[in-house]
Amino acid sequence: MQLSHIFLALTITAITSFAVVAGAGSPAELQQAKAIMATDLNLAEKHIERALAKAPQNAEVQFICGRIMGQQAENAIFSALSYAKKSLRCLEQAVALQPHDISYRKGLMSFYLGAPGIAGGDKQLAWQEVEQITQLNALQGTLAKLSYYRQTEQTAQYQQLLAQSRENHPEQAEFHYRHGLVLQEDKHYADAFNAFAAATQATLDEEGIYQFNAWYQIGRTALFSEQQLESGIQALNNYIDNAPKSDNLPDKHWAHFRLAQLHKLSDNNTMMQQHLLLAIKSNDKELQREIRRLQR
């Protein structure tokens, strides 16, 4: 069972959850699980199970359980369905414990949208979460609707709402960023450059996630279009120098690889090799394959 797309969505839509400061009643195992989940999921699972045993009524414990079990489902083969069901139980419990927490509802919505029916996926339940989020916060409701339309491949509704949202909320970086992705996918590269640039200049973006993603995408757009190479190089250098380490941002090894590709297009073999040496330090198998392909 292929479940990876579910949990990528969980990561992206629940950015704010990790910014929550654990309350006085939070067990130490919760923080241990959060600290290790990016590098050792099996150990993180052990920590979160201990946290659940100590504090089953702690909503953040339940939500992080959903995240960890979801990632385990992504990596598992025979036990993927079991992990997915555990993830769903924890996410539903997090929402039940704190029904006004939008990030928890977004995580649950993403699960309903991404999971197959046998694992608990349900588009109708996902839309119910969209409606609940909209009642709590109109702007977040719009973002939830965009996620829903995108993941259910309702392209016309997605693009119409996105255009309306960019007009109504020009200060929101996410709307410009998502517009840029649409343009990039449609190979309207000049317009994509402008949209991503608008995202980098927008004044509202929690933790700068979409602004930094936009800098990275400017580099990718330069690569795909083979245009504005110097702007793409500058954007990726800015990304590497300033972007924080985050699950919601591309790994900087990939940014070095994109820079190597751009320098190759610019006939700068010295800089290409310099960035390849930095990119090759990654353990990412897909990246290693791409590096080998570039070196042929």
Protein backbone atom coordinates (compact mmCIF):
# COMPACT_ATOMS: atom_id res chain seq x y z
CA MET A 1 0.00 0.00 0.00
CA GLN A 2 1.41 3.36 -1.01
CA LEU A 3 0.61 5.96 1.65
CA SER A 4 3.42 8.47 1.27
CA HIS A 5 1.29 11.26 -0.19
CA ILE A 6 -0.91 11.26 2.91
CA PHE A 7 1.83 12.07 5.32
CA LEU A 8 3.57 14.60 3.15
CA ALA A 9 0.29 16.49 3.27
CA LEU A 10 0.21 16.10 7.04
CA THR A 11 3.65 17.66 7.25
CA ILE A 12 2.80 20.62 5.07
CA THR A 13 -0.60 21.52 6.48
CA ALA A 14 0.34 21.36 10.14
CA ILE A 15 3.29 23.75 10.17
CA THR A 16 2.19 25.54 13.31
CA SER A 17 1.88 22.44 15.43
CA PHE A 18 5.58 22.21 16.21
CA ALA A 19 5.62 25.82 17.32
CA VAL A 20 3.26 25.01 20.18
CA VAL A 21 4.99 25.09 23.52
CA ALA A 22 4.21 22.02 25.54
CA GLY A 23 2.10 22.65 28.59
CA ALA A 24 2.98 21.84 32.14
CA GLY A 25 1.16 18.51 31.85
CA SER A 26 3.16 17.35 28.83
CA PRO A 27 5.37 14.32 29.49
CA ALA A 28 9.07 14.51 28.73
CA GLU A 29 8.63 11.68 26.24
CA LEU A 30 6.63 14.03 23.99
CA GLN A 31 9.61 16.34 23.56
CA GLN A 32 11.90 13.35 23.09
CA ALA A 33 9.66 11.98 20.35
CA LYS A 34 9.50 15.34 18.56
CA ALA A 35 13.27 15.76 18.75
CA ILE A 36 14.07 12.34 17.28
CA MET A 37 11.28 11.71 14.78
CA ALA A 38 13.19 13.21 11.85
CA THR A 39 16.13 10.86 12.35
CA ASP A 40 14.90 7.74 14.17
CA LEU A 41 11.22 6.92 13.72
CA ASN A 42 11.37 3.65 15.62
CA LEU A 43 12.76 5.34 18.71
CA ALA A 44 10.28 8.20 18.28
CA GLU A 45 7.48 5.65 18.21
CA LYS A 46 8.67 4.20 21.53
CA HIS A 47 8.80 7.66 23.11
CA ILE A 48 5.35 8.65 21.89
CA GLU A 49 3.81 5.38 23.08
CA ARG A 50 5.19 6.10 26.55
CA ALA A 51 3.82 9.65 26.30
CA LEU A 52 0.40 8.27 25.36
CA ALA A 53 0.45 5.95 28.34
CA LYS A 54 1.20 8.88 30.65
CA ALA A 55 -0.99 11.55 29.06
CA PRO A 56 -3.70 10.15 26.78
CA GLN A 57 -5.74 13.35 27.25
CA ASN A 58 -2.95 15.57 25.94
CA ALA A 59 -3.96 16.73 22.45
CA GLU A 60 -0.41 17.43 21.28
CA VAL A 61 0.68 13.96 22.35
CA GLN A 62 -2.14 12.53 20.26
CA PHE A 63 -1.28 14.71 17.28
CA ILE A 64 2.42 13.82 17.32
CA CYS A 65 1.36 10.19 17.61
CA GLY A 66 -0.61 10.72 14.40
CA ARG A 67 2.43 12.22 12.71
CA ILE A 68 4.80 9.47 13.79
CA MET A 69 2.46 6.60 12.99
CA GLY A 70 1.74 8.23 9.65
CA GLN A 71 5.42 8.36 8.77
CA GLN A 72 5.81 4.77 9.85
CA ALA A 73 2.95 3.85 7.50
CA GLU A 74 4.77 5.64 4.70
CA ASN A 75 7.89 3.54 5.24
CA ALA A 76 6.24 0.22 6.06
CA ILE A 77 5.12 -2.53 3.68
CA PHE A 78 3.24 -5.24 5.54
CA SER A 79 2.28 -3.09 8.55
CA ALA A 80 1.34 0.06 6.60
CA LEU A 81 -2.39 -0.38 7.13
CA SER A 82 -2.00 -0.96 10.86
CA TYR A 83 0.15 2.16 11.25
CA ALA A 84 -2.29 4.21 9.16
CA LYS A 85 -5.20 3.22 11.40
CA LYS A 86 -3.17 4.13 14.49
CA SER A 87 -2.38 7.48 12.90
CA LEU A 88 -6.06 8.14 12.24
CA ARG A 89 -7.09 7.25 15.79
CA CYS A 90 -4.53 9.65 17.23
CA LEU A 91 -5.45 12.49 14.86
CA GLU A 92 -9.16 12.10 15.58
CA GLN A 93 -8.46 12.08 19.30
CA ALA A 94 -6.33 15.24 19.04
CA VAL A 95 -9.24 17.04 17.36
CA ALA A 96 -11.72 15.69 19.92
CA LEU A 97 -9.55 16.97 22.76
CA GLN A 98 -8.95 20.41 21.20
CA PRO A 99 -11.68 21.00 18.60
CA HIS A 100 -10.70 24.65 18.15
CA ASP A 101 -7.11 23.89 17.12
CA ILE A 102 -6.98 24.49 13.37
CA SER A 103 -3.64 22.76 12.82
CA TYR A 104 -5.01 19.53 14.27
CA ARG A 105 -8.08 19.75 12.04
CA LYS A 106 -5.88 20.39 9.02
CA GLY A 107 -3.85 17.31 9.80
CA LEU A 108 -6.99 15.20 10.10
CA MET A 109 -8.39 16.68 6.88
CA SER A 110 -5.19 15.77 5.05
CA PHE A 111 -5.40 12.22 6.30
CA TYR A 112 -9.00 11.84 5.15
CA LEU A 113 -8.02 13.19 1.73
CA GLY A 114 -4.87 11.17 1.23
CA ALA A 115 -5.65 7.78 2.71
CA PRO A 116 -7.38 5.01 0.77
CA GLY A 117 -10.82 4.08 2.05
CA ILE A 118 -9.56 0.86 3.63
CA ALA A 119 -7.26 2.94 5.86
CA GLY A 120 -9.92 5.49 6.81
CA GLY A 121 -9.79 7.94 3.92
CA ASP A 122 -13.06 9.74 3.32
CA LYS A 123 -13.54 12.85 1.16
CA GLN A 124 -16.87 13.69 2.79
CA LEU A 125 -15.28 13.70 6.24
CA ALA A 126 -12.45 15.79 4.84
CA TRP A 127 -14.93 18.40 3.64
CA GLN A 128 -16.56 18.45 7.07
CA GLU A 129 -13.17 19.41 8.49
CA VAL A 130 -12.90 22.16 5.87
CA GLU A 131 -16.26 23.52 7.02
CA GLN A 132 -15.23 23.40 10.68
CA ILE A 133 -11.97 25.20 9.93
CA THR A 134 -13.86 27.86 7.98
CA GLN A 135 -16.13 28.50 10.94
CA LEU A 136 -13.10 28.94 13.19
CA ASN A 137 -11.13 31.21 10.85
CA ALA A 138 -12.15 32.44 7.39
CA LEU A 139 -8.61 32.76 6.03
CA GLN A 140 -7.59 29.32 7.27
CA GLY A 141 -10.82 28.00 5.82
CA THR A 142 -9.81 29.35 2.42
CA LEU A 143 -6.44 27.62 2.73
CA ALA A 144 -8.19 24.39 3.70
CA LYS A 145 -10.50 24.66 0.68
CA LEU A 146 -7.50 25.15 -1.59
CA SER A 147 -5.91 22.01 -0.16
CA TYR A 148 -9.15 20.11 -0.62
CA TYR A 149 -9.59 21.22 -4.24
CA ARG A 150 -5.97 20.47 -5.07
CA GLN A 151 -5.97 17.02 -3.57
CA THR A 152 -9.31 16.09 -5.12
CA GLU A 153 -8.09 17.41 -8.50
CA GLN A 154 -10.84 20.00 -8.83
CA THR A 155 -8.59 22.20 -10.94
CA ALA A 156 -11.13 24.83 -12.00
CA GLN A 157 -12.36 25.40 -8.43
CA TYR A 158 -8.77 25.49 -7.15
CA GLN A 159 -7.59 28.06 -9.66
CA GLN A 160 -10.70 30.23 -9.28
CA LEU A 161 -10.40 30.34 -5.49
CA LEU A 162 -6.65 30.92 -5.69
CA ALA A 163 -7.08 33.88 -8.05
CA GLN A 164 -9.76 35.36 -5.78
CA SER A 165 -7.59 34.80 -2.70
CA ARG A 166 -4.54 36.49 -4.24
CA GLU A 167 -6.68 39.52 -5.05
CA ASN A 168 -8.30 39.67 -1.60
CA HIS A 169 -5.14 38.91 0.38
CA PRO A 170 -2.10 40.18 -1.55
CA GLU A 171 -0.17 40.26 1.73
CA GLN A 172 -0.33 36.47 2.10
CA ALA A 173 2.80 34.78 0.73
CA GLU A 174 1.17 31.37 0.43
CA PHE A 175 -1.33 32.45 -2.22
CA HIS A 176 1.40 33.87 -4.49
CA TYR A 177 3.56 30.79 -3.90
CA ARG A 178 0.79 28.38 -4.85
CA HIS A 179 -0.04 30.47 -7.90
CA GLY A 180 3.60 30.22 -8.92
CA LEU A 181 3.49 26.43 -8.69
CA VAL A 182 0.46 26.33 -11.01
CA LEU A 183 2.23 28.55 -13.53
CA GLN A 184 5.45 26.55 -13.26
CA GLU A 185 3.59 23.30 -13.87
CA ASP A 186 1.92 24.84 -16.94
CA LYS A 187 5.35 26.03 -18.14
CA HIS A 188 4.39 29.69 -17.97
CA TYR A 189 7.81 30.41 -16.61
CA ALA A 190 7.92 34.20 -16.92
CA ASP A 191 4.69 34.52 -14.94
CA ALA A 192 5.92 31.92 -12.45
CA PHE A 193 9.02 34.02 -11.77
CA ASN A 194 6.77 36.99 -11.02
CA ALA A 195 4.48 35.01 -8.72
CA PHE A 196 7.35 33.55 -6.71
CA ALA A 197 8.95 36.99 -6.48
CA ALA A 198 5.64 38.34 -5.13
CA ALA A 199 5.68 35.59 -2.51
CA THR A 200 9.14 36.62 -1.33
CA GLN A 201 7.91 40.20 -0.91
CA ALA A 202 4.61 39.41 0.82
CA THR A 203 4.37 40.67 4.38
CA LEU A 204 2.46 37.79 5.97
CA ASP A 205 3.99 34.33 6.19
CA GLU A 206 4.24 32.41 9.44
CA GLU A 207 7.87 31.41 10.00
CA GLY A 208 8.70 32.48 6.42
CA ILE A 209 7.95 29.01 5.12
CA TYR A 210 6.34 30.06 1.84
CA GLN A 211 8.80 32.88 1.24
CA PHE A 212 11.74 30.52 1.55
CA ASN A 213 9.98 27.92 -0.59
CA ALA A 214 9.48 30.66 -3.19
CA TRP A 215 13.21 31.46 -3.23
CA TYR A 216 13.91 27.78 -3.88
CA GLN A 217 11.30 27.65 -6.63
CA ILE A 218 12.80 30.68 -8.36
CA GLY A 219 15.94 28.58 -8.73
CA ARG A 220 13.98 25.61 -10.07
CA THR A 221 12.07 27.81 -12.50
CA ALA A 222 15.34 29.18 -13.86
CA LEU A 223 16.52 25.62 -14.31
CA PHE A 224 13.36 24.39 -16.05
CA SER A 225 13.13 27.42 -18.33
CA GLU A 226 16.89 27.83 -18.86
CA GLN A 227 16.22 31.52 -18.43
CA GLN A 228 17.22 34.10 -15.82
CA LEU A 229 20.01 31.79 -14.69
CA GLU A 230 21.76 34.43 -12.62
CA SER A 231 18.51 35.27 -10.79
CA GLY A 232 18.03 31.56 -10.08
CA ILE A 233 21.57 31.25 -8.74
CA GLN A 234 21.11 34.29 -6.49
CA ALA A 235 17.78 32.94 -5.21
CA LEU A 236 19.23 29.56 -4.29
CA ASN A 237 22.25 31.14 -2.62
CA ASN A 238 19.86 33.27 -0.58
CA TYR A 239 17.91 30.14 0.33
CA ILE A 240 21.01 28.27 1.47
CA ASP A 241 22.30 31.23 3.48
CA ASN A 242 19.07 32.14 5.25
CA ALA A 243 16.47 29.36 5.26
CA PRO A 244 16.00 27.59 8.61
CA LYS A 245 16.09 23.83 8.92
CA SER A 246 12.49 22.68 8.66
CA ASP A 247 10.49 19.65 7.55
CA ASN A 248 8.45 22.10 5.48
CA LEU A 249 11.40 23.30 3.39
CA PRO A 250 13.57 21.53 0.80
CA ASP A 251 16.77 20.04 2.12
CA LYS A 252 19.73 22.31 1.41
CA HIS A 253 21.61 19.47 -0.25
CA TRP A 254 18.96 19.67 -2.97
CA ALA A 255 19.54 23.41 -3.22
CA HIS A 256 23.24 22.79 -3.77
CA PHE A 257 22.38 20.27 -6.47
CA ARG A 258 20.08 22.76 -8.22
CA LEU A 259 22.90 25.29 -8.07
CA ALA A 260 25.23 22.76 -9.64
CA GLN A 261 22.73 22.29 -12.47
CA LEU A 262 22.41 26.04 -13.00
CA HIS A 263 26.18 26.52 -13.02
CA LYS A 264 26.45 23.74 -15.60
CA LEU A 265 23.98 25.62 -17.79
CA SER A 266 26.11 28.74 -17.23
CA ASP A 267 29.26 26.83 -18.30
CA ASN A 268 30.86 27.37 -14.91
CA ASN A 269 32.39 23.96 -14.24
CA THR A 270 34.28 25.11 -11.15
CA MET A 271 31.14 26.24 -9.32
CA MET A 272 29.23 23.20 -10.54
CA GLN A 273 31.80 20.87 -8.97
CA GLN A 274 31.89 22.94 -5.79
CA HIS A 275 28.15 22.58 -5.23
CA LEU A 276 28.15 18.92 -6.23
CA LEU A 277 30.68 18.23 -3.48
CA LEU A 278 28.26 19.79 -0.99
CA ALA A 279 25.19 18.03 -2.42
CA ILE A 280 26.83 14.61 -2.44
CA LYS A 281 27.06 14.62 1.36
CA SER A 282 23.36 13.82 1.51
CA ASN A 283 22.08 10.31 2.20
CA ASP A 284 19.02 10.92 0.01
CA LYS A 285 18.99 8.07 -2.54
CA GLU A 286 16.99 10.02 -5.10
CA LEU A 287 19.43 12.92 -4.87
CA GLN A 288 22.37 10.57 -5.26
CA ARG A 289 20.80 9.19 -8.44
CA GLU A 290 20.32 12.71 -9.80
CA ILE A 291 23.92 13.60 -9.01
CA ARG A 292 25.18 10.52 -10.89
CA ARG A 293 22.99 11.46 -13.85
CA LEU A 294 24.44 14.99 -13.90
CA GLN A 295 28.00 13.66 -13.77
CA ARG A 296 27.61 11.43 -16.82
